[in-house]
Amino acid sequence: MKKLLTIVIALMTFTAVAQKAECHFTESKFIKASGKTIESEGNLKLTSADKLEMNYTKPAGDYFIIDGKTIRINMRGKKSVVDTEKNAAMKTQRNTLMNCITGNWKQAATDNNAESSVSEKGANKVVTLTAKKAAPRGYSKIVITYRKSDNLPVELVFEEFNGTVTTYKMTNIVKK
């Protein structure tokens, strides 16, 4: 009975975090190797626990869409479709992004072999995931800021082992 109750609670928790939401986002990507920063922006739509659309308005026409196990990308005219079951690096990226956005940061910590810490900052909860050891690729640190009121992210910072840092800031968030 205890095991069944644990499963039911886990499913209820997953359902609670797998919300539908839309927002505007800005993306700032600092590439350590070149010292350059690339600025982008667009609209993000989370329609289920495994469907996320990032449609860019700057640069116009770019997109990053997660639909189940498939990722469709158009970045600066270069289009691709990736089956994450056949591409381990993209599977990690997909799972990490989806888990961070849907509030399932504990799974993101597990998947990235990271330690986690949680603090409060005003109306927000800040979750920091720090890798336990260096790796050839992946994230050395992830910082997620969630609104405490509904557990939706307002900022995501992904720091890669190679020094590249990508920051997403979400505004005009509408919970659906």
C-alpha atoms as a PDB file:
ATOM      1  CA  MET A   1       0.000   0.000   0.000  1.00  0.00           C
ATOM      2  CA  LYS A   2       2.818   2.379   0.894  1.00  0.00           C
ATOM      3  CA  LYS A   3       4.463   1.728  -2.500  1.00  0.00           C
ATOM      4  CA  LEU A   4       1.194   2.414  -4.335  1.00  0.00           C
ATOM      5  CA  LEU A   5       0.671   5.638  -2.371  1.00  0.00           C
ATOM      6  CA  THR A   6       4.213   6.734  -3.255  1.00  0.00           C
ATOM      7  CA  ILE A   7       3.522   6.121  -6.963  1.00  0.00           C
ATOM      8  CA  VAL A   8       0.231   8.055  -6.822  1.00  0.00           C
ATOM      9  CA  ILE A   9       1.919  10.992  -5.068  1.00  0.00           C
ATOM     10  CA  ALA A  10       4.736  10.950  -7.637  1.00  0.00           C
ATOM     11  CA  LEU A  11       2.233  11.009 -10.506  1.00  0.00           C
ATOM     12  CA  MET A  12       0.272  13.847  -8.875  1.00  0.00           C
ATOM     13  CA  THR A  13       3.491  15.815  -8.405  1.00  0.00           C
ATOM     14  CA  PHE A  14       4.461  15.274 -12.046  1.00  0.00           C
ATOM     15  CA  THR A  15       1.019  16.394 -13.205  1.00  0.00           C
ATOM     16  CA  ALA A  16       1.270  19.492 -11.016  1.00  0.00           C
ATOM     17  CA  VAL A  17       4.584  20.569 -12.530  1.00  0.00           C
ATOM     18  CA  ALA A  18       3.789  19.627 -16.122  1.00  0.00           C
ATOM     19  CA  GLN A  19       1.780  22.787 -16.717  1.00  0.00           C
ATOM     20  CA  LYS A  20       0.769  24.529 -19.885  1.00  0.00           C
ATOM     21  CA  ALA A  21       2.236  27.990 -20.265  1.00  0.00           C
ATOM     22  CA  GLU A  22       3.274  30.619 -22.777  1.00  0.00           C
ATOM     23  CA  CYS A  23       5.757  33.456 -22.475  1.00  0.00           C
ATOM     24  CA  HIS A  24       8.181  35.746 -24.241  1.00  0.00           C
ATOM     25  CA  PHE A  25      11.858  34.827 -23.794  1.00  0.00           C
ATOM     26  CA  THR A  26      15.220  36.360 -24.386  1.00  0.00           C
ATOM     27  CA  GLU A  27      18.279  34.182 -24.918  1.00  0.00           C
ATOM     28  CA  SER A  28      21.833  35.303 -24.349  1.00  0.00           C
ATOM     29  CA  LYS A  29      24.577  32.846 -25.285  1.00  0.00           C
ATOM     30  CA  PHE A  30      28.154  33.683 -24.291  1.00  0.00           C
ATOM     31  CA  ILE A  31      30.656  31.543 -26.183  1.00  0.00           C
ATOM     32  CA  LYS A  32      33.861  31.449 -24.182  1.00  0.00           C
ATOM     33  CA  ALA A  33      36.019  30.175 -27.067  1.00  0.00           C
ATOM     34  CA  SER A  34      35.304  33.267 -29.187  1.00  0.00           C
ATOM     35  CA  GLY A  35      34.391  35.726 -26.456  1.00  0.00           C
ATOM     36  CA  LYS A  36      31.199  36.556 -28.398  1.00  0.00           C
ATOM     37  CA  THR A  37      27.655  36.830 -27.122  1.00  0.00           C
ATOM     38  CA  ILE A  38      24.688  35.939 -29.327  1.00  0.00           C
ATOM     39  CA  GLU A  39      21.366  37.576 -28.433  1.00  0.00           C
ATOM     40  CA  SER A  40      18.028  36.073 -29.514  1.00  0.00           C
ATOM     41  CA  GLU A  41      14.387  36.296 -28.494  1.00  0.00           C
ATOM     42  CA  GLY A  42      11.026  34.785 -29.215  1.00  0.00           C
ATOM     43  CA  ASN A  43       7.975  33.084 -27.811  1.00  0.00           C
ATOM     44  CA  LEU A  44       7.910  29.882 -25.819  1.00  0.00           C
ATOM     45  CA  LYS A  45       4.912  27.582 -25.556  1.00  0.00           C
ATOM     46  CA  LEU A  46       4.750  24.564 -23.252  1.00  0.00           C
ATOM     47  CA  THR A  47       1.715  22.478 -24.174  1.00  0.00           C
ATOM     48  CA  SER A  48       2.478  19.253 -22.272  1.00  0.00           C
ATOM     49  CA  ALA A  49       5.236  17.505 -20.346  1.00  0.00           C
ATOM     50  CA  ASP A  50       6.842  16.466 -23.643  1.00  0.00           C
ATOM     51  CA  LYS A  51       5.975  19.295 -26.059  1.00  0.00           C
ATOM     52  CA  LEU A  52       7.764  22.628 -26.096  1.00  0.00           C
ATOM     53  CA  GLU A  53       7.970  25.204 -28.868  1.00  0.00           C
ATOM     54  CA  MET A  54      10.515  28.010 -28.957  1.00  0.00           C
ATOM     55  CA  ASN A  55       9.715  30.175 -31.966  1.00  0.00           C
ATOM     56  CA  TYR A  56      12.260  32.934 -32.459  1.00  0.00           C
ATOM     57  CA  THR A  57      11.347  36.445 -33.575  1.00  0.00           C
ATOM     58  CA  LYS A  58      15.037  37.407 -33.527  1.00  0.00           C
ATOM     59  CA  PRO A  59      16.355  35.910 -35.705  1.00  0.00           C
ATOM     60  CA  ALA A  60      12.969  35.574 -37.358  1.00  0.00           C
ATOM     61  CA  GLY A  61      12.094  32.084 -38.561  1.00  0.00           C
ATOM     62  CA  ASP A  62      14.368  30.172 -36.205  1.00  0.00           C
ATOM     63  CA  TYR A  63      12.783  27.535 -33.977  1.00  0.00           C
ATOM     64  CA  PHE A  64      13.573  24.793 -31.497  1.00  0.00           C
ATOM     65  CA  ILE A  65      10.678  22.379 -31.041  1.00  0.00           C
ATOM     66  CA  ILE A  66      10.540  19.358 -28.771  1.00  0.00           C
ATOM     67  CA  ASP A  67       7.726  16.983 -29.687  1.00  0.00           C
ATOM     68  CA  GLY A  68       8.021  13.805 -27.673  1.00  0.00           C
ATOM     69  CA  LYS A  69      11.335  12.169 -28.555  1.00  0.00           C
ATOM     70  CA  THR A  70      11.844  14.347 -31.646  1.00  0.00           C
ATOM     71  CA  ILE A  71      13.546  17.738 -31.833  1.00  0.00           C
ATOM     72  CA  ARG A  72      13.046  19.966 -34.866  1.00  0.00           C
ATOM     73  CA  ILE A  73      15.497  22.814 -35.262  1.00  0.00           C
ATOM     74  CA  ASN A  74      15.927  25.744 -37.606  1.00  0.00           C
ATOM     75  CA  MET A  75      18.886  27.848 -36.526  1.00  0.00           C
ATOM     76  CA  ARG A  76      19.917  30.584 -38.923  1.00  0.00           C
ATOM     77  CA  GLY A  77      18.580  28.664 -41.925  1.00  0.00           C
ATOM     78  CA  LYS A  78      20.068  25.311 -40.978  1.00  0.00           C
ATOM     79  CA  LYS A  79      17.208  22.857 -40.439  1.00  0.00           C
ATOM     80  CA  SER A  80      17.394  19.449 -38.833  1.00  0.00           C
ATOM     81  CA  VAL A  81      15.216  16.805 -37.241  1.00  0.00           C
ATOM     82  CA  VAL A  82      16.731  14.726 -34.438  1.00  0.00           C
ATOM     83  CA  ASP A  83      15.472  11.472 -32.951  1.00  0.00           C
ATOM     84  CA  THR A  84      16.680  11.745 -29.351  1.00  0.00           C
ATOM     85  CA  GLU A  85      16.508   7.984 -28.941  1.00  0.00           C
ATOM     86  CA  LYS A  86      19.403   7.759 -31.443  1.00  0.00           C
ATOM     87  CA  ASN A  87      21.371  10.841 -30.328  1.00  0.00           C
ATOM     88  CA  ALA A  88      22.522  10.726 -26.694  1.00  0.00           C
ATOM     89  CA  ALA A  89      23.752  14.342 -26.544  1.00  0.00           C
ATOM     90  CA  MET A  90      20.450  15.720 -27.850  1.00  0.00           C
ATOM     91  CA  LYS A  91      18.522  13.400 -25.531  1.00  0.00           C
ATOM     92  CA  THR A  92      20.373  14.882 -22.559  1.00  0.00           C
ATOM     93  CA  GLN A  93      19.711  18.417 -23.809  1.00  0.00           C
ATOM     94  CA  ARG A  94      16.031  17.648 -24.412  1.00  0.00           C
ATOM     95  CA  ASN A  95      15.505  15.994 -21.034  1.00  0.00           C
ATOM     96  CA  THR A  96      17.397  18.673 -19.134  1.00  0.00           C
ATOM     97  CA  LEU A  97      15.532  21.547 -20.770  1.00  0.00           C
ATOM     98  CA  MET A  98      12.109  19.905 -20.371  1.00  0.00           C
ATOM     99  CA  ASN A  99      12.752  18.904 -16.761  1.00  0.00           C
ATOM    100  CA  CYS A 100      13.987  22.374 -15.829  1.00  0.00           C
ATOM    101  CA  ILE A 101      11.046  24.110 -17.505  1.00  0.00           C
ATOM    102  CA  THR A 102       8.393  21.751 -16.123  1.00  0.00           C
ATOM    103  CA  GLY A 103       9.741  22.036 -12.568  1.00  0.00           C
ATOM    104  CA  ASN A 104      11.195  18.532 -12.433  1.00  0.00           C
ATOM    105  CA  TRP A 105      14.647  19.799 -11.436  1.00  0.00           C
ATOM    106  CA  LYS A 106      15.357  16.770  -9.231  1.00  0.00           C
ATOM    107  CA  GLN A 107      15.304  14.571 -12.342  1.00  0.00           C
ATOM    108  CA  ALA A 108      17.526  17.085 -14.157  1.00  0.00           C
ATOM    109  CA  ALA A 109      19.998  16.804 -11.263  1.00  0.00           C
ATOM    110  CA  THR A 110      19.956  13.006 -11.464  1.00  0.00           C
ATOM    111  CA  ASP A 111      20.343  12.985 -15.257  1.00  0.00           C
ATOM    112  CA  ASN A 112      23.291  15.385 -15.082  1.00  0.00           C
ATOM    113  CA  ASN A 113      24.990  13.724 -12.084  1.00  0.00           C
ATOM    114  CA  ALA A 114      24.629  16.977 -10.165  1.00  0.00           C
ATOM    115  CA  GLU A 115      24.166  18.060  -6.574  1.00  0.00           C
ATOM    116  CA  SER A 116      21.302  20.437  -5.915  1.00  0.00           C
ATOM    117  CA  SER A 117      20.601  23.301  -3.563  1.00  0.00           C
ATOM    118  CA  VAL A 118      17.473  25.389  -3.144  1.00  0.00           C
ATOM    119  CA  SER A 119      17.168  28.903  -1.777  1.00  0.00           C
ATOM    120  CA  GLU A 120      14.503  31.558  -1.704  1.00  0.00           C
ATOM    121  CA  LYS A 121      14.838  35.018  -3.170  1.00  0.00           C
ATOM    122  CA  GLY A 122      11.728  37.135  -2.613  1.00  0.00           C
ATOM    123  CA  ALA A 123       8.815  35.668  -4.579  1.00  0.00           C
ATOM    124  CA  ASN A 124      11.144  33.178  -6.276  1.00  0.00           C
ATOM    125  CA  LYS A 125      12.773  29.839  -5.546  1.00  0.00           C
ATOM    126  CA  VAL A 126      16.303  29.445  -6.901  1.00  0.00           C
ATOM    127  CA  VAL A 127      17.515  25.933  -7.685  1.00  0.00           C
ATOM    128  CA  THR A 128      21.209  25.383  -8.390  1.00  0.00           C
ATOM    129  CA  LEU A 129      22.466  22.139  -9.908  1.00  0.00           C
ATOM    130  CA  THR A 130      26.233  21.661  -9.788  1.00  0.00           C
ATOM    131  CA  ALA A 131      27.947  18.770 -11.573  1.00  0.00           C
ATOM    132  CA  LYS A 132      29.704  16.336  -9.265  1.00  0.00           C
ATOM    133  CA  LYS A 133      32.542  15.872 -11.761  1.00  0.00           C
ATOM    134  CA  ALA A 134      33.738  17.306 -15.070  1.00  0.00           C
ATOM    135  CA  ALA A 135      32.694  15.676 -18.320  1.00  0.00           C
ATOM    136  CA  PRO A 136      33.597  16.118 -22.009  1.00  0.00           C
ATOM    137  CA  ARG A 137      30.181  17.692 -22.652  1.00  0.00           C
ATOM    138  CA  GLY A 138      27.115  18.699 -20.722  1.00  0.00           C
ATOM    139  CA  TYR A 139      26.436  21.211 -17.972  1.00  0.00           C
ATOM    140  CA  SER A 140      28.782  22.111 -15.155  1.00  0.00           C
ATOM    141  CA  LYS A 141      26.105  24.260 -13.522  1.00  0.00           C
ATOM    142  CA  ILE A 142      22.423  25.003 -14.018  1.00  0.00           C
ATOM    143  CA  VAL A 143      20.592  27.745 -12.147  1.00  0.00           C
ATOM    144  CA  ILE A 144      16.797  27.811 -12.386  1.00  0.00           C
ATOM    145  CA  THR A 145      14.667  30.568 -10.900  1.00  0.00           C
ATOM    146  CA  TYR A 146      11.013  29.609 -10.404  1.00  0.00           C
ATOM    147  CA  ARG A 147       8.094  31.766  -9.297  1.00  0.00           C
ATOM    148  CA  LYS A 148       7.019  30.308  -5.979  1.00  0.00           C
ATOM    149  CA  SER A 149       3.368  31.043  -6.733  1.00  0.00           C
ATOM    150  CA  ASP A 150       3.077  28.549  -9.604  1.00  0.00           C
ATOM    151  CA  ASN A 151       6.533  26.927 -10.000  1.00  0.00           C
ATOM    152  CA  LEU A 152       7.017  28.354 -13.504  1.00  0.00           C
ATOM    153  CA  PRO A 153      10.556  29.362 -14.510  1.00  0.00           C
ATOM    154  CA  VAL A 154      11.460  33.025 -14.933  1.00  0.00           C
ATOM    155  CA  GLU A 155      15.150  32.428 -15.654  1.00  0.00           C
ATOM    156  CA  LEU A 156      17.331  29.487 -16.708  1.00  0.00           C
ATOM    157  CA  VAL A 157      21.126  29.607 -16.816  1.00  0.00           C
ATOM    158  CA  PHE A 158      23.010  26.694 -18.388  1.00  0.00           C
ATOM    159  CA  GLU A 159      26.798  26.711 -17.963  1.00  0.00           C
ATOM    160  CA  GLU A 160      28.594  24.125 -20.064  1.00  0.00           C
ATOM    161  CA  PHE A 161      31.915  22.507 -19.186  1.00  0.00           C
ATOM    162  CA  ASN A 162      33.529  24.353 -22.117  1.00  0.00           C
ATOM    163  CA  GLY A 163      32.600  27.732 -20.578  1.00  0.00           C
ATOM    164  CA  THR A 164      29.626  28.532 -22.837  1.00  0.00           C
ATOM    165  CA  VAL A 165      26.808  30.100 -20.810  1.00  0.00           C
ATOM    166  CA  THR A 166      23.235  30.316 -22.122  1.00  0.00           C
ATOM    167  CA  THR A 167      20.712  32.419 -20.208  1.00  0.00           C
ATOM    168  CA  TYR A 168      16.973  32.408 -20.861  1.00  0.00           C
ATOM    169  CA  LYS A 169      14.776  35.077 -19.274  1.00  0.00           C
ATOM    170  CA  MET A 170      11.030  34.637 -19.436  1.00  0.00           C
ATOM    171  CA  THR A 171       8.532  37.513 -19.292  1.00  0.00           C
ATOM    172  CA  ASN A 172       4.796  37.934 -19.819  1.00  0.00           C
ATOM    173  CA  ILE A 173       4.259  34.414 -18.519  1.00  0.00           C
ATOM    174  CA  VAL A 174       0.715  33.155 -18.906  1.00  0.00           C
ATOM    175  CA  LYS A 175      -0.268  29.874 -17.271  1.00  0.00           C
ATOM    176  CA  LYS A 176      -2.801  27.968 -19.386  1.00  0.00           C
END
